[in-house]
N, C-alpha and C. Protein backbone atom coordinates (compact mmCIF):
# COMPACT_ATOMS: atom_id res chain seq x y z
N UNK A 1 137.59 134.04 -19.79
CA UNK A 1 137.73 135.24 -18.98
C UNK A 1 138.34 134.93 -17.61
N UNK A 2 137.71 133.99 -16.87
CA UNK A 2 138.19 133.59 -15.54
C UNK A 2 138.74 132.17 -15.63
N UNK A 3 139.99 132.01 -15.26
CA UNK A 3 140.67 130.71 -15.38
C UNK A 3 141.40 130.42 -14.07
N UNK A 4 140.86 129.48 -13.30
CA UNK A 4 141.46 129.08 -12.03
C UNK A 4 142.03 127.67 -12.16
N UNK A 5 143.25 127.50 -11.67
CA UNK A 5 143.90 126.20 -11.73
C UNK A 5 144.44 125.83 -10.35
N UNK A 6 143.94 124.74 -9.80
CA UNK A 6 144.45 124.14 -8.56
C UNK A 6 144.50 125.15 -7.41
N UNK A 7 143.41 125.91 -7.26
CA UNK A 7 143.35 126.96 -6.24
C UNK A 7 143.03 126.35 -4.87
N UNK A 8 143.84 126.70 -3.88
CA UNK A 8 143.56 126.30 -2.50
C UNK A 8 143.53 127.54 -1.61
N UNK A 9 142.69 127.47 -0.59
CA UNK A 9 142.66 128.53 0.43
C UNK A 9 142.45 127.86 1.77
N UNK A 10 143.39 128.08 2.68
CA UNK A 10 143.39 127.39 3.97
C UNK A 10 143.29 128.42 5.09
N UNK A 11 142.40 128.16 6.04
CA UNK A 11 142.29 128.98 7.23
C UNK A 11 142.63 128.12 8.44
N UNK A 12 143.32 128.73 9.40
CA UNK A 12 143.66 128.00 10.63
C UNK A 12 142.99 128.67 11.82
N UNK A 13 142.24 127.87 12.54
CA UNK A 13 141.53 128.34 13.73
C UNK A 13 141.98 127.50 14.91
N UNK A 14 142.90 128.07 15.71
CA UNK A 14 143.48 127.29 16.79
C UNK A 14 144.30 126.16 16.21
N UNK A 15 144.00 124.94 16.64
CA UNK A 15 144.73 123.78 16.11
C UNK A 15 143.99 123.12 14.95
N UNK A 16 142.95 123.79 14.44
CA UNK A 16 142.13 123.23 13.36
C UNK A 16 142.51 123.88 12.03
N UNK A 17 142.66 123.08 10.99
CA UNK A 17 142.94 123.55 9.64
C UNK A 17 141.71 123.35 8.77
N UNK A 18 141.26 124.44 8.16
CA UNK A 18 140.04 124.38 7.34
C UNK A 18 140.43 124.64 5.89
N UNK A 19 140.12 123.70 5.02
CA UNK A 19 140.38 123.83 3.60
C UNK A 19 139.15 124.47 2.95
N UNK A 20 139.12 125.81 2.97
CA UNK A 20 137.95 126.52 2.43
C UNK A 20 137.82 126.30 0.93
N UNK A 21 138.96 126.24 0.24
CA UNK A 21 139.00 125.88 -1.17
C UNK A 21 140.03 124.78 -1.33
N UNK A 22 139.63 123.68 -1.92
CA UNK A 22 140.46 122.47 -1.96
C UNK A 22 140.73 122.07 -3.41
N UNK A 23 141.80 122.66 -3.99
CA UNK A 23 142.24 122.32 -5.34
C UNK A 23 141.12 122.55 -6.37
N UNK A 24 140.73 123.82 -6.50
CA UNK A 24 139.65 124.20 -7.40
C UNK A 24 140.19 124.50 -8.80
N UNK A 25 139.57 123.88 -9.80
CA UNK A 25 139.79 124.22 -11.21
C UNK A 25 138.47 124.76 -11.75
N UNK A 26 138.51 125.92 -12.40
CA UNK A 26 137.27 126.53 -12.87
C UNK A 26 137.55 127.48 -14.03
N UNK A 27 136.72 127.39 -15.06
CA UNK A 27 136.76 128.34 -16.18
C UNK A 27 135.37 128.95 -16.36
N UNK A 28 135.31 130.27 -16.44
CA UNK A 28 134.07 130.99 -16.73
C UNK A 28 134.35 131.92 -17.89
N UNK A 29 133.55 131.81 -18.94
CA UNK A 29 133.78 132.62 -20.14
C UNK A 29 132.99 133.92 -20.07
N UNK A 30 133.42 134.88 -20.88
CA UNK A 30 132.77 136.19 -20.92
C UNK A 30 131.29 136.04 -21.28
N UNK A 31 130.42 136.70 -20.50
CA UNK A 31 129.00 136.71 -20.78
C UNK A 31 128.20 135.60 -20.14
N UNK A 32 128.85 134.72 -19.37
CA UNK A 32 128.11 133.65 -18.71
C UNK A 32 127.31 134.19 -17.52
N UNK A 33 126.27 133.43 -17.15
CA UNK A 33 125.46 133.71 -15.96
C UNK A 33 125.56 132.47 -15.09
N UNK A 34 126.30 132.59 -13.99
CA UNK A 34 126.67 131.45 -13.15
C UNK A 34 126.18 131.66 -11.73
N UNK A 35 125.59 130.62 -11.16
CA UNK A 35 125.30 130.64 -9.72
C UNK A 35 126.21 129.65 -9.02
N UNK A 36 126.70 130.05 -7.85
CA UNK A 36 127.53 129.18 -7.02
C UNK A 36 126.75 128.92 -5.74
N UNK A 37 126.41 127.67 -5.50
CA UNK A 37 125.55 127.30 -4.39
C UNK A 37 126.24 126.29 -3.48
N UNK A 38 125.63 126.09 -2.34
CA UNK A 38 126.16 125.13 -1.38
C UNK A 38 125.80 125.53 0.03
N UNK A 39 125.91 124.61 0.97
CA UNK A 39 125.59 124.92 2.37
C UNK A 39 126.60 125.88 2.98
N UNK A 40 126.27 126.41 4.12
CA UNK A 40 127.19 127.28 4.85
C UNK A 40 128.50 126.55 5.10
N UNK A 41 129.62 127.23 4.83
CA UNK A 41 130.92 126.61 5.03
C UNK A 41 131.41 125.79 3.86
N UNK A 42 130.69 125.81 2.75
CA UNK A 42 131.08 124.98 1.60
C UNK A 42 132.21 125.62 0.79
N UNK A 43 132.45 126.92 1.00
CA UNK A 43 133.53 127.60 0.29
C UNK A 43 133.06 128.54 -0.80
N UNK A 44 131.76 128.69 -0.96
CA UNK A 44 131.25 129.48 -2.09
C UNK A 44 131.63 130.96 -1.99
N UNK A 45 131.51 131.55 -0.81
CA UNK A 45 131.88 132.96 -0.67
C UNK A 45 133.40 133.15 -0.76
N UNK A 46 134.16 132.20 -0.26
CA UNK A 46 135.61 132.27 -0.39
C UNK A 46 136.02 132.23 -1.85
N UNK A 47 135.37 131.37 -2.62
CA UNK A 47 135.64 131.30 -4.06
C UNK A 47 135.33 132.63 -4.73
N UNK A 48 134.19 133.23 -4.39
CA UNK A 48 133.84 134.52 -4.97
C UNK A 48 134.87 135.58 -4.61
N UNK A 49 135.34 135.56 -3.37
CA UNK A 49 136.34 136.54 -2.93
C UNK A 49 137.67 136.38 -3.67
N UNK A 50 138.04 135.14 -3.96
CA UNK A 50 139.27 134.90 -4.73
C UNK A 50 139.08 135.39 -6.16
N UNK A 51 137.93 135.08 -6.77
CA UNK A 51 137.66 135.54 -8.13
C UNK A 51 137.67 137.06 -8.18
N UNK A 52 137.13 137.70 -7.14
CA UNK A 52 137.05 139.15 -7.10
C UNK A 52 138.30 139.85 -6.59
N UNK A 53 139.36 139.09 -6.35
CA UNK A 53 140.63 139.65 -5.86
C UNK A 53 140.47 140.35 -4.52
N UNK A 54 139.52 139.88 -3.73
CA UNK A 54 139.38 140.35 -2.35
C UNK A 54 140.15 139.46 -1.39
N UNK A 55 140.58 138.30 -1.87
CA UNK A 55 141.32 137.35 -1.05
C UNK A 55 142.33 136.65 -1.96
N UNK A 56 143.45 136.29 -1.40
CA UNK A 56 144.50 135.60 -2.16
C UNK A 56 144.48 134.10 -1.85
N UNK A 57 144.61 133.27 -2.87
CA UNK A 57 144.73 131.83 -2.59
C UNK A 57 146.09 131.52 -1.97
N UNK A 58 146.14 130.40 -1.25
CA UNK A 58 147.42 129.96 -0.69
C UNK A 58 148.28 129.29 -1.75
N UNK A 59 147.64 128.72 -2.74
CA UNK A 59 148.38 128.14 -3.86
C UNK A 59 147.44 128.07 -5.06
N UNK A 60 148.05 127.89 -6.23
CA UNK A 60 147.27 127.81 -7.45
C UNK A 60 147.51 129.00 -8.35
N UNK A 61 146.78 129.05 -9.43
CA UNK A 61 147.04 130.00 -10.52
C UNK A 61 145.72 130.60 -10.95
N UNK A 62 145.66 131.95 -11.06
CA UNK A 62 144.45 132.65 -11.46
C UNK A 62 144.79 133.59 -12.61
N UNK A 63 144.06 133.41 -13.70
CA UNK A 63 144.21 134.25 -14.88
C UNK A 63 142.89 134.95 -15.15
N UNK A 64 142.92 136.27 -15.30
CA UNK A 64 141.72 137.06 -15.56
C UNK A 64 141.91 137.83 -16.85
N UNK A 65 141.02 137.61 -17.80
CA UNK A 65 141.12 138.26 -19.12
C UNK A 65 142.50 138.06 -19.73
N UNK A 66 143.02 136.85 -19.59
CA UNK A 66 144.29 136.51 -20.24
C UNK A 66 145.54 136.95 -19.52
N UNK A 67 145.38 137.55 -18.33
CA UNK A 67 146.54 138.01 -17.59
C UNK A 67 146.59 137.37 -16.20
N UNK A 68 147.79 136.95 -15.80
CA UNK A 68 147.95 136.36 -14.48
C UNK A 68 147.77 137.43 -13.41
N UNK A 69 146.91 137.16 -12.44
CA UNK A 69 146.66 138.14 -11.38
C UNK A 69 147.01 137.60 -9.99
N UNK A 70 147.45 136.35 -9.93
CA UNK A 70 147.70 135.71 -8.63
C UNK A 70 148.73 136.45 -7.81
N UNK A 71 149.80 136.88 -8.45
CA UNK A 71 150.93 137.45 -7.71
C UNK A 71 151.04 138.96 -7.84
N UNK A 72 149.99 139.62 -8.28
CA UNK A 72 150.03 141.08 -8.37
C UNK A 72 150.12 141.70 -6.97
N UNK A 73 150.68 142.88 -6.90
CA UNK A 73 150.72 143.61 -5.63
C UNK A 73 149.31 144.02 -5.24
N UNK A 74 149.15 144.47 -3.99
CA UNK A 74 147.84 144.94 -3.52
C UNK A 74 147.33 146.08 -4.40
N UNK A 75 148.22 147.02 -4.73
CA UNK A 75 147.82 148.17 -5.55
C UNK A 75 147.42 147.72 -6.95
N UNK A 76 148.16 146.78 -7.52
CA UNK A 76 147.84 146.29 -8.87
C UNK A 76 146.53 145.52 -8.87
N UNK A 77 146.30 144.71 -7.83
CA UNK A 77 145.03 143.99 -7.74
C UNK A 77 143.86 144.96 -7.58
N UNK A 78 144.07 146.02 -6.80
CA UNK A 78 143.01 147.02 -6.62
C UNK A 78 142.66 147.68 -7.95
N UNK A 79 143.66 147.95 -8.78
CA UNK A 79 143.41 148.56 -10.09
C UNK A 79 142.61 147.61 -10.98
N UNK A 80 143.02 146.34 -11.03
CA UNK A 80 142.30 145.36 -11.83
C UNK A 80 140.87 145.20 -11.34
N UNK A 81 140.72 145.14 -10.04
CA UNK A 81 139.40 145.02 -9.43
C UNK A 81 138.51 146.19 -9.83
N UNK A 82 139.05 147.39 -9.76
CA UNK A 82 138.29 148.59 -10.08
C UNK A 82 137.89 148.62 -11.55
N UNK A 83 138.78 148.16 -12.42
CA UNK A 83 138.52 148.26 -13.86
C UNK A 83 137.63 147.14 -14.39
N UNK A 84 137.68 145.96 -13.78
CA UNK A 84 137.06 144.81 -14.40
C UNK A 84 135.91 144.18 -13.61
N UNK A 85 135.78 144.48 -12.31
CA UNK A 85 134.85 143.74 -11.47
C UNK A 85 133.96 144.69 -10.68
N UNK A 86 132.66 144.41 -10.69
CA UNK A 86 131.72 145.12 -9.84
C UNK A 86 131.17 144.19 -8.79
N UNK A 87 131.01 144.67 -7.55
CA UNK A 87 130.58 143.84 -6.43
C UNK A 87 129.20 144.28 -5.93
N UNK A 88 128.36 143.31 -5.64
CA UNK A 88 127.07 143.56 -5.01
C UNK A 88 126.96 142.61 -3.82
N UNK A 89 126.73 143.18 -2.62
CA UNK A 89 126.73 142.38 -1.40
C UNK A 89 125.35 142.39 -0.75
N UNK A 90 125.12 141.39 0.08
CA UNK A 90 123.86 141.28 0.82
C UNK A 90 123.63 142.50 1.71
N UNK A 91 124.69 143.00 2.33
CA UNK A 91 124.56 144.12 3.27
C UNK A 91 124.84 145.48 2.64
N UNK A 92 124.85 145.52 1.28
CA UNK A 92 124.93 146.75 0.49
C UNK A 92 126.31 147.43 0.51
N UNK A 93 126.93 147.55 1.71
CA UNK A 93 128.26 148.16 1.84
C UNK A 93 128.29 149.60 1.30
N UNK A 94 127.23 150.34 1.53
CA UNK A 94 127.24 151.76 1.17
C UNK A 94 127.90 152.56 2.28
N UNK A 95 128.43 153.74 1.92
CA UNK A 95 129.05 154.62 2.91
C UNK A 95 127.93 155.44 3.56
N UNK A 96 127.69 155.27 4.86
CA UNK A 96 126.51 155.88 5.50
C UNK A 96 126.42 157.39 5.38
N UNK A 97 127.57 158.08 5.42
CA UNK A 97 127.54 159.55 5.43
C UNK A 97 127.41 160.16 4.04
N UNK A 98 127.50 159.33 3.00
CA UNK A 98 127.39 159.82 1.63
C UNK A 98 125.97 159.64 1.10
N UNK A 99 125.55 160.55 0.23
CA UNK A 99 124.24 160.43 -0.41
C UNK A 99 124.28 159.30 -1.44
N UNK A 100 123.11 158.97 -1.97
CA UNK A 100 123.05 157.96 -3.03
C UNK A 100 123.94 158.36 -4.20
N UNK A 101 123.84 159.62 -4.63
CA UNK A 101 124.65 160.08 -5.75
C UNK A 101 126.14 159.99 -5.43
N UNK A 102 126.51 160.35 -4.21
CA UNK A 102 127.93 160.33 -3.83
C UNK A 102 128.45 158.89 -3.73
N UNK A 103 127.62 157.98 -3.25
CA UNK A 103 128.02 156.57 -3.22
C UNK A 103 128.28 156.05 -4.63
N UNK A 104 127.39 156.40 -5.56
CA UNK A 104 127.55 155.94 -6.94
C UNK A 104 128.79 156.56 -7.57
N UNK A 105 129.08 157.80 -7.20
CA UNK A 105 130.21 158.53 -7.78
C UNK A 105 131.56 158.03 -7.28
N UNK A 106 131.59 157.39 -6.13
CA UNK A 106 132.85 157.05 -5.46
C UNK A 106 133.83 156.29 -6.36
N UNK A 107 133.42 155.23 -7.09
CA UNK A 107 134.39 154.55 -7.95
C UNK A 107 134.96 155.45 -9.04
N UNK A 108 134.17 156.42 -9.51
CA UNK A 108 134.66 157.35 -10.54
C UNK A 108 135.75 158.25 -9.98
N UNK A 109 135.58 158.66 -8.72
CA UNK A 109 136.60 159.48 -8.07
C UNK A 109 137.89 158.68 -7.92
N UNK A 110 137.78 157.44 -7.48
CA UNK A 110 138.95 156.59 -7.29
C UNK A 110 139.66 156.30 -8.61
N UNK A 111 138.88 156.33 -9.70
CA UNK A 111 139.46 156.08 -11.03
C UNK A 111 139.95 157.36 -11.70
N UNK A 112 139.90 158.49 -10.97
CA UNK A 112 140.39 159.78 -11.48
C UNK A 112 139.63 160.26 -12.71
N UNK A 113 138.33 159.95 -12.77
CA UNK A 113 137.50 160.49 -13.83
C UNK A 113 137.24 161.97 -13.55
N UNK A 114 137.30 162.80 -14.57
CA UNK A 114 137.17 164.24 -14.36
C UNK A 114 135.73 164.60 -13.96
N UNK A 115 135.55 165.69 -13.18
CA UNK A 115 134.26 166.00 -12.56
C UNK A 115 133.07 166.08 -13.51
N UNK A 116 133.26 166.69 -14.68
CA UNK A 116 132.15 166.80 -15.62
C UNK A 116 131.65 165.45 -16.08
N UNK A 117 132.58 164.55 -16.38
CA UNK A 117 132.21 163.19 -16.80
C UNK A 117 131.56 162.44 -15.65
N UNK A 118 132.07 162.65 -14.43
CA UNK A 118 131.47 162.00 -13.26
C UNK A 118 130.01 162.41 -13.11
N UNK A 119 129.75 163.71 -13.21
CA UNK A 119 128.38 164.22 -13.04
C UNK A 119 127.45 163.60 -14.08
N UNK A 120 127.90 163.53 -15.32
CA UNK A 120 127.07 162.96 -16.39
C UNK A 120 126.77 161.49 -16.12
N UNK A 121 127.81 160.73 -15.77
CA UNK A 121 127.63 159.29 -15.55
C UNK A 121 126.71 159.02 -14.35
N UNK A 122 126.88 159.79 -13.28
CA UNK A 122 126.05 159.58 -12.09
C UNK A 122 124.60 159.90 -12.42
N UNK A 123 124.34 160.97 -13.13
CA UNK A 123 122.97 161.31 -13.50
C UNK A 123 122.35 160.23 -14.37
N UNK A 124 123.12 159.67 -15.28
CA UNK A 124 122.63 158.59 -16.13
C UNK A 124 122.31 157.35 -15.30
N UNK A 125 123.18 157.04 -14.34
CA UNK A 125 122.96 155.86 -13.49
C UNK A 125 121.73 156.05 -12.60
N UNK A 126 121.59 157.22 -12.02
CA UNK A 126 120.42 157.50 -11.18
C UNK A 126 119.13 157.32 -11.98
N UNK A 127 119.14 157.81 -13.20
CA UNK A 127 117.95 157.67 -14.05
C UNK A 127 117.72 156.20 -14.42
N UNK A 128 118.79 155.49 -14.79
CA UNK A 128 118.66 154.10 -15.23
C UNK A 128 118.12 153.20 -14.13
N UNK A 129 118.46 153.51 -12.88
CA UNK A 129 118.04 152.67 -11.76
C UNK A 129 116.89 153.30 -10.97
N UNK A 130 116.21 154.27 -11.58
CA UNK A 130 115.02 154.90 -11.00
C UNK A 130 115.31 155.46 -9.61
N UNK A 131 116.41 156.20 -9.52
CA UNK A 131 116.85 156.75 -8.24
C UNK A 131 116.99 158.27 -8.27
N UNK A 132 116.55 158.90 -9.35
CA UNK A 132 116.78 160.35 -9.49
C UNK A 132 116.19 161.13 -8.33
N UNK A 133 115.03 160.70 -7.85
CA UNK A 133 114.39 161.43 -6.74
C UNK A 133 114.97 161.07 -5.38
N UNK A 134 115.95 160.17 -5.36
CA UNK A 134 116.62 159.78 -4.11
C UNK A 134 118.09 160.14 -4.12
N UNK A 135 118.50 160.95 -5.08
CA UNK A 135 119.92 161.24 -5.28
C UNK A 135 120.59 161.83 -4.05
N UNK A 136 119.88 162.70 -3.31
CA UNK A 136 120.48 163.38 -2.17
C UNK A 136 120.13 162.73 -0.82
N UNK A 137 119.55 161.53 -0.87
CA UNK A 137 119.22 160.80 0.35
C UNK A 137 120.40 159.91 0.75
N UNK A 138 120.64 159.84 2.05
CA UNK A 138 121.67 158.93 2.56
C UNK A 138 121.08 157.54 2.74
N UNK A 139 121.94 156.50 2.85
CA UNK A 139 121.44 155.13 2.93
C UNK A 139 120.37 154.90 3.99
N UNK A 140 120.50 155.54 5.16
CA UNK A 140 119.52 155.34 6.23
C UNK A 140 118.14 155.85 5.84
N UNK A 141 118.08 156.71 4.83
CA UNK A 141 116.81 157.28 4.38
C UNK A 141 116.22 156.52 3.20
N UNK A 142 116.85 155.42 2.81
CA UNK A 142 116.41 154.63 1.67
C UNK A 142 115.86 153.28 2.11
N UNK A 143 114.97 152.73 1.32
CA UNK A 143 114.47 151.37 1.58
C UNK A 143 115.56 150.37 1.20
N UNK A 144 115.35 149.11 1.60
CA UNK A 144 116.33 148.07 1.26
C UNK A 144 116.51 147.92 -0.24
N UNK A 145 115.40 147.95 -0.97
CA UNK A 145 115.49 147.83 -2.42
C UNK A 145 116.22 149.00 -3.05
N UNK A 146 115.98 150.20 -2.53
CA UNK A 146 116.67 151.38 -3.05
C UNK A 146 118.16 151.31 -2.75
N UNK A 147 118.51 150.86 -1.55
CA UNK A 147 119.93 150.73 -1.21
C UNK A 147 120.63 149.73 -2.13
N UNK A 148 119.94 148.63 -2.43
CA UNK A 148 120.56 147.65 -3.32
C UNK A 148 120.68 148.19 -4.74
N UNK A 149 119.73 149.00 -5.17
CA UNK A 149 119.83 149.62 -6.49
C UNK A 149 121.01 150.60 -6.54
N UNK A 150 121.20 151.35 -5.45
CA UNK A 150 122.37 152.22 -5.37
C UNK A 150 123.65 151.38 -5.46
N UNK A 151 123.67 150.26 -4.74
CA UNK A 151 124.85 149.39 -4.74
C UNK A 151 125.12 148.84 -6.14
N UNK A 152 124.08 148.47 -6.87
CA UNK A 152 124.26 147.94 -8.22
C UNK A 152 124.73 149.06 -9.15
N UNK A 153 124.14 150.26 -9.01
CA UNK A 153 124.58 151.39 -9.82
C UNK A 153 126.05 151.68 -9.58
N UNK A 154 126.46 151.67 -8.31
CA UNK A 154 127.86 151.90 -7.98
C UNK A 154 128.76 150.80 -8.57
N UNK A 155 128.28 149.56 -8.50
CA UNK A 155 129.07 148.42 -8.98
C UNK A 155 129.27 148.45 -10.49
N UNK A 156 128.36 149.11 -11.21
CA UNK A 156 128.41 149.07 -12.67
C UNK A 156 128.80 150.40 -13.31
N UNK A 157 129.09 151.42 -12.49
CA UNK A 157 129.33 152.75 -13.02
C UNK A 157 130.59 152.81 -13.89
N UNK A 158 131.54 151.91 -13.67
CA UNK A 158 132.76 151.86 -14.48
C UNK A 158 132.68 150.80 -15.59
N UNK A 159 131.47 150.28 -15.82
CA UNK A 159 131.23 149.29 -16.88
C UNK A 159 132.15 148.08 -16.77
N UNK A 160 132.10 147.37 -15.65
CA UNK A 160 132.98 146.20 -15.47
C UNK A 160 132.59 145.07 -16.41
N UNK A 161 133.53 144.17 -16.65
CA UNK A 161 133.23 143.01 -17.49
C UNK A 161 132.52 141.91 -16.70
N UNK A 162 132.60 141.96 -15.37
CA UNK A 162 131.94 140.95 -14.54
C UNK A 162 131.34 141.59 -13.30
N UNK A 163 130.16 141.09 -12.91
CA UNK A 163 129.53 141.47 -11.65
C UNK A 163 129.51 140.24 -10.76
N UNK A 164 130.01 140.40 -9.54
CA UNK A 164 130.01 139.34 -8.54
C UNK A 164 129.02 139.74 -7.45
N UNK A 165 128.03 138.90 -7.23
CA UNK A 165 126.97 139.22 -6.26
C UNK A 165 126.90 138.13 -5.19
N UNK A 166 127.08 138.53 -3.94
CA UNK A 166 127.07 137.60 -2.82
C UNK A 166 125.75 137.76 -2.07
N UNK A 167 124.85 136.81 -2.23
CA UNK A 167 123.51 136.84 -1.61
C UNK A 167 122.85 138.20 -1.83
N UNK A 168 122.70 138.64 -3.09
CA UNK A 168 122.24 140.01 -3.36
C UNK A 168 120.82 140.30 -2.92
N UNK A 169 120.01 139.25 -2.68
CA UNK A 169 118.62 139.48 -2.24
C UNK A 169 118.40 139.03 -0.80
N UNK A 170 119.48 138.73 -0.09
CA UNK A 170 119.36 138.15 1.24
C UNK A 170 118.64 139.01 2.25
N UNK A 171 118.73 140.33 2.12
CA UNK A 171 118.08 141.24 3.07
C UNK A 171 116.81 141.87 2.52
N UNK A 172 116.27 141.29 1.44
CA UNK A 172 115.12 141.87 0.77
C UNK A 172 113.95 140.89 0.77
N UNK A 173 112.72 141.43 0.74
CA UNK A 173 111.58 140.54 0.62
C UNK A 173 111.51 139.99 -0.80
N UNK A 174 110.62 139.03 -1.04
CA UNK A 174 110.61 138.30 -2.31
C UNK A 174 110.37 139.23 -3.50
N UNK A 175 109.42 140.15 -3.36
CA UNK A 175 109.06 141.02 -4.48
C UNK A 175 110.23 141.93 -4.84
N UNK A 176 110.82 142.57 -3.84
CA UNK A 176 111.94 143.48 -4.10
C UNK A 176 113.15 142.69 -4.57
N UNK A 177 113.34 141.50 -3.99
CA UNK A 177 114.45 140.65 -4.42
C UNK A 177 114.35 140.28 -5.89
N UNK A 178 113.12 139.99 -6.33
CA UNK A 178 112.91 139.66 -7.75
C UNK A 178 113.23 140.86 -8.63
N UNK A 179 112.86 142.05 -8.19
CA UNK A 179 113.17 143.26 -8.96
C UNK A 179 114.69 143.46 -9.07
N UNK A 180 115.39 143.21 -7.97
CA UNK A 180 116.85 143.35 -7.98
C UNK A 180 117.47 142.34 -8.93
N UNK A 181 116.98 141.11 -8.91
CA UNK A 181 117.51 140.09 -9.81
C UNK A 181 117.25 140.45 -11.26
N UNK A 182 116.11 141.04 -11.54
CA UNK A 182 115.81 141.47 -12.90
C UNK A 182 116.80 142.53 -13.36
N UNK A 183 117.16 143.47 -12.47
CA UNK A 183 118.16 144.48 -12.80
C UNK A 183 119.50 143.82 -13.14
N UNK A 184 119.93 142.88 -12.30
CA UNK A 184 121.20 142.20 -12.54
C UNK A 184 121.15 141.39 -13.84
N UNK A 185 120.04 140.74 -14.09
CA UNK A 185 119.92 139.92 -15.29
C UNK A 185 119.87 140.78 -16.56
N UNK A 186 119.31 141.97 -16.45
CA UNK A 186 119.33 142.88 -17.60
C UNK A 186 120.76 143.27 -17.95
N UNK A 187 121.60 143.44 -16.93
CA UNK A 187 123.02 143.73 -17.17
C UNK A 187 123.69 142.54 -17.85
N UNK A 188 123.32 141.34 -17.42
CA UNK A 188 123.85 140.13 -18.07
C UNK A 188 123.42 140.07 -19.53
N UNK A 189 122.16 140.37 -19.80
CA UNK A 189 121.68 140.34 -21.18
C UNK A 189 122.43 141.33 -22.06
N UNK A 190 122.95 142.40 -21.45
CA UNK A 190 123.72 143.39 -22.20
C UNK A 190 125.17 142.95 -22.41
N UNK A 191 125.55 141.76 -21.89
CA UNK A 191 126.87 141.21 -22.14
C UNK A 191 127.78 141.07 -20.94
N UNK A 192 127.33 141.50 -19.77
CA UNK A 192 128.16 141.42 -18.57
C UNK A 192 128.14 140.01 -17.99
N UNK A 193 129.29 139.50 -17.62
CA UNK A 193 129.36 138.22 -16.91
C UNK A 193 128.76 138.42 -15.52
N UNK A 194 127.87 137.50 -15.13
CA UNK A 194 127.17 137.61 -13.85
C UNK A 194 127.41 136.34 -13.04
N UNK A 195 128.01 136.50 -11.86
CA UNK A 195 128.29 135.36 -10.97
C UNK A 195 127.63 135.65 -9.63
N UNK A 196 126.73 134.76 -9.23
CA UNK A 196 125.96 134.97 -8.00
C UNK A 196 126.21 133.83 -7.03
N UNK A 197 126.54 134.18 -5.80
CA UNK A 197 126.62 133.20 -4.72
C UNK A 197 125.32 133.24 -3.93
N UNK A 198 124.72 132.08 -3.71
CA UNK A 198 123.46 132.03 -2.98
C UNK A 198 123.26 130.65 -2.35
N UNK A 199 122.50 130.63 -1.25
CA UNK A 199 122.06 129.36 -0.68
C UNK A 199 120.63 129.07 -1.10
N UNK A 200 120.01 130.02 -1.83
CA UNK A 200 118.62 129.93 -2.25
C UNK A 200 118.54 129.21 -3.59
N UNK A 201 118.00 128.00 -3.59
CA UNK A 201 117.95 127.20 -4.82
C UNK A 201 117.11 127.88 -5.89
N UNK A 202 116.01 128.53 -5.50
CA UNK A 202 115.17 129.21 -6.49
C UNK A 202 115.96 130.29 -7.21
N UNK A 203 116.75 131.03 -6.44
CA UNK A 203 117.58 132.07 -7.03
C UNK A 203 118.68 131.45 -7.90
N UNK A 204 119.30 130.41 -7.40
CA UNK A 204 120.36 129.74 -8.16
C UNK A 204 119.88 129.14 -9.46
N UNK A 205 118.62 128.71 -9.47
CA UNK A 205 118.07 128.08 -10.68
C UNK A 205 117.81 129.07 -11.80
N UNK A 206 117.89 130.36 -11.51
CA UNK A 206 117.70 131.36 -12.56
C UNK A 206 118.92 131.43 -13.48
N UNK A 207 120.07 130.98 -12.98
CA UNK A 207 121.31 131.07 -13.76
C UNK A 207 121.33 130.03 -14.88
N UNK A 208 122.19 130.25 -15.85
CA UNK A 208 122.34 129.33 -16.97
C UNK A 208 123.37 128.24 -16.68
N UNK A 209 124.15 128.46 -15.64
CA UNK A 209 125.13 127.46 -15.21
C UNK A 209 125.13 127.43 -13.70
N UNK A 210 125.09 126.23 -13.13
CA UNK A 210 124.97 126.09 -11.68
C UNK A 210 126.14 125.26 -11.15
N UNK A 211 126.87 125.85 -10.22
CA UNK A 211 127.99 125.18 -9.58
C UNK A 211 127.60 124.90 -8.13
N UNK A 212 127.67 123.66 -7.73
CA UNK A 212 127.37 123.27 -6.35
C UNK A 212 128.67 122.93 -5.64
N UNK A 213 128.90 123.58 -4.48
CA UNK A 213 130.11 123.33 -3.72
C UNK A 213 129.83 122.55 -2.46
N UNK A 214 130.81 121.79 -2.04
CA UNK A 214 130.71 121.02 -0.80
C UNK A 214 132.12 120.80 -0.26
N UNK A 215 132.35 121.18 0.99
CA UNK A 215 133.63 120.96 1.66
C UNK A 215 134.81 121.51 0.87
N UNK A 216 134.62 122.71 0.31
CA UNK A 216 135.71 123.37 -0.40
C UNK A 216 135.98 122.87 -1.80
N UNK A 217 135.16 121.96 -2.28
CA UNK A 217 135.34 121.41 -3.62
C UNK A 217 134.11 121.70 -4.49
N UNK A 218 134.31 121.70 -5.79
CA UNK A 218 133.18 121.77 -6.72
C UNK A 218 132.58 120.38 -6.82
N UNK A 219 131.35 120.23 -6.33
CA UNK A 219 130.69 118.94 -6.31
C UNK A 219 130.02 118.64 -7.64
N UNK A 220 129.29 119.62 -8.17
CA UNK A 220 128.69 119.49 -9.50
C UNK A 220 128.83 120.82 -10.24
N UNK A 221 128.84 120.74 -11.56
CA UNK A 221 128.93 121.92 -12.41
C UNK A 221 128.12 121.61 -13.67
N UNK A 222 126.95 122.21 -13.77
CA UNK A 222 126.06 121.87 -14.90
C UNK A 222 125.51 123.13 -15.56
N UNK A 223 125.32 123.03 -16.86
CA UNK A 223 124.71 124.10 -17.64
C UNK A 223 123.24 123.78 -17.89
N UNK A 224 122.42 124.80 -17.82
CA UNK A 224 120.97 124.62 -17.97
C UNK A 224 120.55 125.01 -19.39
């Protein structure tokens, strides 16, 4: 599904050159559950952003579902991203002025899904994530766990083939964080590829494959 060859990403800060990704080769097959770990600055979030087409590598080759995506235009990458990838972030990234239902509906609007189908899908998602009684609440009126459930519902409303989660429990207490991970893992059990970036070893150990990064390189890659 995900095929990276010799991927590099370089950032320049003043007279300093930082190799955030240093000649990365990586293959992830459909349905895998992968954690990407490492200390701050190791390149793990940059790698996730490249996989998610949120950032472009400076060199290398990226193939997603058998198609080259490295040199696609911004509009073409946005379409692929919308159709194939769902994102879950530590800070939720919900639109403050929209209700929970409207946040979940947003990807359907961008995908030009007709209103009747949108309404049905949103109602199903609200029910599936135990949010029906919070449908008309805005993010500021929701708990952290509820906001993350809205974010996961939004990320999966178009049935992506992969979910990319960057520190998905970072702003949650242990109990709520465990509930969120269970939701994500249930999606994995249903066949969705799940890739999680975390600095939390306990969280990373839940995955079936663990990638450890250091200084922009893959230091270890092991299956459990």
